[in-house]
Amino acid sequence: MLRFLYELSWTMVRGELPFPKCKVALDSVEFLDKVSAEKVASNFADIVSQMAQDLTLSGEFRSRLIKLARWLVESELVPVRLLQERCEEEFLGEAEFIKIKAQELKGKE
């Protein structure tokens, strides 16, 4: 399941699959084990946080990753709190998931 979600995310970040098609793909796949929506959300949050840490990600891909993260929250596939727990401050600021600037948040930590 994790590999499927990673490949699905990477396909959207590359621009090869529109974000709304993600729900269609998720609805059409059957995993061997019964998977809860919470587990899918947690895995998506982990995948986004790992991708966001990739310093070699080009500007275009990073922009799509931010859009993907926003879409996952807007479509209610991932609660924003999961991304806030797992992503770096800079990414959260870029995606507008925090109201405070990343540097100020780091200072408070």
C-alpha atoms as a PDB file:
ATOM      1  CA  MET A   1       0.000   0.000   0.000  1.00  0.00           C
ATOM      2  CA  LEU A   2       2.764   2.424   0.932  1.00  0.00           C
ATOM      3  CA  ARG A   3       4.509   1.887  -2.405  1.00  0.00           C
ATOM      4  CA  PHE A   4       1.244   2.471  -4.283  1.00  0.00           C
ATOM      5  CA  LEU A   5       0.602   5.740  -2.414  1.00  0.00           C
ATOM      6  CA  TYR A   6       4.180   6.872  -3.024  1.00  0.00           C
ATOM      7  CA  GLU A   7       3.963   6.161  -6.751  1.00  0.00           C
ATOM      8  CA  LEU A   8       0.566   7.850  -6.931  1.00  0.00           C
ATOM      9  CA  SER A   9       1.947  10.939  -5.166  1.00  0.00           C
ATOM     10  CA  TRP A  10       5.062  11.069  -7.330  1.00  0.00           C
ATOM     11  CA  THR A  11       2.946  10.755 -10.488  1.00  0.00           C
ATOM     12  CA  MET A  12       0.898  13.779  -9.381  1.00  0.00           C
ATOM     13  CA  VAL A  13       4.015  15.775  -8.431  1.00  0.00           C
ATOM     14  CA  ARG A  14       5.461  15.096 -11.895  1.00  0.00           C
ATOM     15  CA  GLY A  15       2.224  16.423 -13.403  1.00  0.00           C
ATOM     16  CA  GLU A  16       1.282  13.144 -15.078  1.00  0.00           C
ATOM     17  CA  LEU A  17      -1.970  12.731 -13.137  1.00  0.00           C
ATOM     18  CA  PRO A  18      -4.443  15.479 -12.172  1.00  0.00           C
ATOM     19  CA  PHE A  19      -5.120  15.651  -8.428  1.00  0.00           C
ATOM     20  CA  PRO A  20      -8.848  14.768  -8.674  1.00  0.00           C
ATOM     21  CA  LYS A  21      -7.918  11.478 -10.380  1.00  0.00           C
ATOM     22  CA  CYS A  22      -6.201  10.492  -7.134  1.00  0.00           C
ATOM     23  CA  LYS A  23      -9.556   9.822  -5.501  1.00  0.00           C
ATOM     24  CA  VAL A  24     -10.602   7.703  -8.482  1.00  0.00           C
ATOM     25  CA  ALA A  25      -7.390   5.685  -8.182  1.00  0.00           C
ATOM     26  CA  LEU A  26      -7.872   5.232  -4.430  1.00  0.00           C
ATOM     27  CA  ASP A  27     -11.488   4.156  -4.904  1.00  0.00           C
ATOM     28  CA  SER A  28     -10.574   1.655  -7.608  1.00  0.00           C
ATOM     29  CA  VAL A  29      -7.688  -0.089  -5.836  1.00  0.00           C
ATOM     30  CA  GLU A  30      -8.079  -2.933  -3.381  1.00  0.00           C
ATOM     31  CA  PHE A  31      -5.245  -3.628  -0.963  1.00  0.00           C
ATOM     32  CA  LEU A  32      -4.605  -7.125   0.349  1.00  0.00           C
ATOM     33  CA  ASP A  33      -5.203  -5.977   3.913  1.00  0.00           C
ATOM     34  CA  LYS A  34      -8.143  -3.839   5.000  1.00  0.00           C
ATOM     35  CA  VAL A  35      -6.825  -0.297   5.260  1.00  0.00           C
ATOM     36  CA  SER A  36      -8.460   2.503   7.244  1.00  0.00           C
ATOM     37  CA  ALA A  37      -8.773   6.071   6.012  1.00  0.00           C
ATOM     38  CA  GLU A  38      -6.588   7.107   8.959  1.00  0.00           C
ATOM     39  CA  LYS A  39      -3.797   4.804   7.793  1.00  0.00           C
ATOM     40  CA  VAL A  40      -4.001   6.181   4.244  1.00  0.00           C
ATOM     41  CA  ALA A  41      -3.919   9.739   5.625  1.00  0.00           C
ATOM     42  CA  SER A  42      -0.931   8.941   7.813  1.00  0.00           C
ATOM     43  CA  ASN A  43       0.965   7.375   4.913  1.00  0.00           C
ATOM     44  CA  PHE A  44       0.204  10.338   2.624  1.00  0.00           C
ATOM     45  CA  ALA A  45       1.465  12.723   5.346  1.00  0.00           C
ATOM     46  CA  ASP A  46       4.680  10.706   5.661  1.00  0.00           C
ATOM     47  CA  ILE A  47       5.175  10.660   1.893  1.00  0.00           C
ATOM     48  CA  VAL A  48       4.615  14.421   1.527  1.00  0.00           C
ATOM     49  CA  SER A  49       6.974  15.177   4.425  1.00  0.00           C
ATOM     50  CA  GLN A  50       9.698  12.991   2.923  1.00  0.00           C
ATOM     51  CA  MET A  51       9.294  14.490  -0.542  1.00  0.00           C
ATOM     52  CA  ALA A  52       9.397  17.997   0.946  1.00  0.00           C
ATOM     53  CA  GLN A  53      12.821  17.256   2.449  1.00  0.00           C
ATOM     54  CA  ASP A  54      14.301  16.393  -0.949  1.00  0.00           C
ATOM     55  CA  LEU A  55      16.639  19.299  -1.694  1.00  0.00           C
ATOM     56  CA  THR A  56      17.112  18.140  -5.297  1.00  0.00           C
ATOM     57  CA  LEU A  57      13.413  18.594  -6.100  1.00  0.00           C
ATOM     58  CA  SER A  58      13.117  21.188  -8.868  1.00  0.00           C
ATOM     59  CA  GLY A  59      11.059  24.343  -8.357  1.00  0.00           C
ATOM     60  CA  GLU A  60       8.266  23.081 -10.605  1.00  0.00           C
ATOM     61  CA  PHE A  61       8.004  19.773  -8.752  1.00  0.00           C
ATOM     62  CA  ARG A  62       8.152  21.510  -5.363  1.00  0.00           C
ATOM     63  CA  SER A  63       5.331  23.808  -6.450  1.00  0.00           C
ATOM     64  CA  ARG A  64       3.239  20.783  -7.438  1.00  0.00           C
ATOM     65  CA  LEU A  65       4.092  19.080  -4.145  1.00  0.00           C
ATOM     66  CA  ILE A  66       2.762  22.118  -2.277  1.00  0.00           C
ATOM     67  CA  LYS A  67      -0.378  22.025  -4.413  1.00  0.00           C
ATOM     68  CA  LEU A  68      -0.710  18.293  -3.729  1.00  0.00           C
ATOM     69  CA  ALA A  69      -0.448  18.863   0.020  1.00  0.00           C
ATOM     70  CA  ARG A  70      -3.108  21.588  -0.150  1.00  0.00           C
ATOM     71  CA  TRP A  71      -5.355  19.372  -2.260  1.00  0.00           C
ATOM     72  CA  LEU A  72      -4.990  16.437   0.145  1.00  0.00           C
ATOM     73  CA  VAL A  73      -6.159  18.706   2.977  1.00  0.00           C
ATOM     74  CA  GLU A  74      -8.953  20.350   0.959  1.00  0.00           C
ATOM     75  CA  SER A  75     -10.246  16.977  -0.235  1.00  0.00           C
ATOM     76  CA  GLU A  76     -10.181  15.749   3.375  1.00  0.00           C
ATOM     77  CA  LEU A  77      -7.873  12.834   2.593  1.00  0.00           C
ATOM     78  CA  VAL A  78      -5.299  14.151   5.084  1.00  0.00           C
ATOM     79  CA  PRO A  79      -6.028  16.264   8.172  1.00  0.00           C
ATOM     80  CA  VAL A  80      -3.860  19.393   8.238  1.00  0.00           C
ATOM     81  CA  ARG A  81      -2.647  18.492  11.745  1.00  0.00           C
ATOM     82  CA  LEU A  82      -0.857  15.409  10.363  1.00  0.00           C
ATOM     83  CA  LEU A  83       1.123  17.548   7.942  1.00  0.00           C
ATOM     84  CA  GLN A  84       1.800  20.113  10.675  1.00  0.00           C
ATOM     85  CA  GLU A  85       3.219  17.337  12.862  1.00  0.00           C
ATOM     86  CA  ARG A  86       5.454  15.808  10.212  1.00  0.00           C
ATOM     87  CA  CYS A  87       6.593  18.483   7.764  1.00  0.00           C
ATOM     88  CA  GLU A  88       9.401  21.013   8.139  1.00  0.00           C
ATOM     89  CA  GLU A  89       8.555  24.601   8.993  1.00  0.00           C
ATOM     90  CA  GLU A  90       9.622  25.971   5.599  1.00  0.00           C
ATOM     91  CA  PHE A  91       7.309  23.617   3.743  1.00  0.00           C
ATOM     92  CA  LEU A  92       4.407  24.378   6.085  1.00  0.00           C
ATOM     93  CA  GLY A  93       4.965  28.081   5.477  1.00  0.00           C
ATOM     94  CA  GLU A  94       5.106  27.647   1.706  1.00  0.00           C
ATOM     95  CA  ALA A  95       1.897  25.591   1.781  1.00  0.00           C
ATOM     96  CA  GLU A  96       0.288  28.165   4.102  1.00  0.00           C
ATOM     97  CA  PHE A  97      -0.485  25.555   6.770  1.00  0.00           C
ATOM     98  CA  ILE A  98       0.936  27.780   9.502  1.00  0.00           C
ATOM     99  CA  LYS A  99       0.182  31.419  10.184  1.00  0.00           C
ATOM    100  CA  ILE A 100       3.598  32.209  11.655  1.00  0.00           C
ATOM    101  CA  LYS A 101       6.757  32.524   9.561  1.00  0.00           C
ATOM    102  CA  ALA A 102       9.011  29.486   9.500  1.00  0.00           C
ATOM    103  CA  GLN A 103      11.967  31.318  11.100  1.00  0.00           C
ATOM    104  CA  GLU A 104       9.790  32.594  13.956  1.00  0.00           C
ATOM    105  CA  LEU A 105       8.447  29.089  14.528  1.00  0.00           C
ATOM    106  CA  LYS A 106      11.981  27.687  14.656  1.00  0.00           C
ATOM    107  CA  GLY A 107      12.887  30.366  17.189  1.00  0.00           C
ATOM    108  CA  LYS A 108       9.932  29.420  19.380  1.00  0.00           C
ATOM    109  CA  GLU A 109      10.905  25.757  19.260  1.00  0.00           C
END
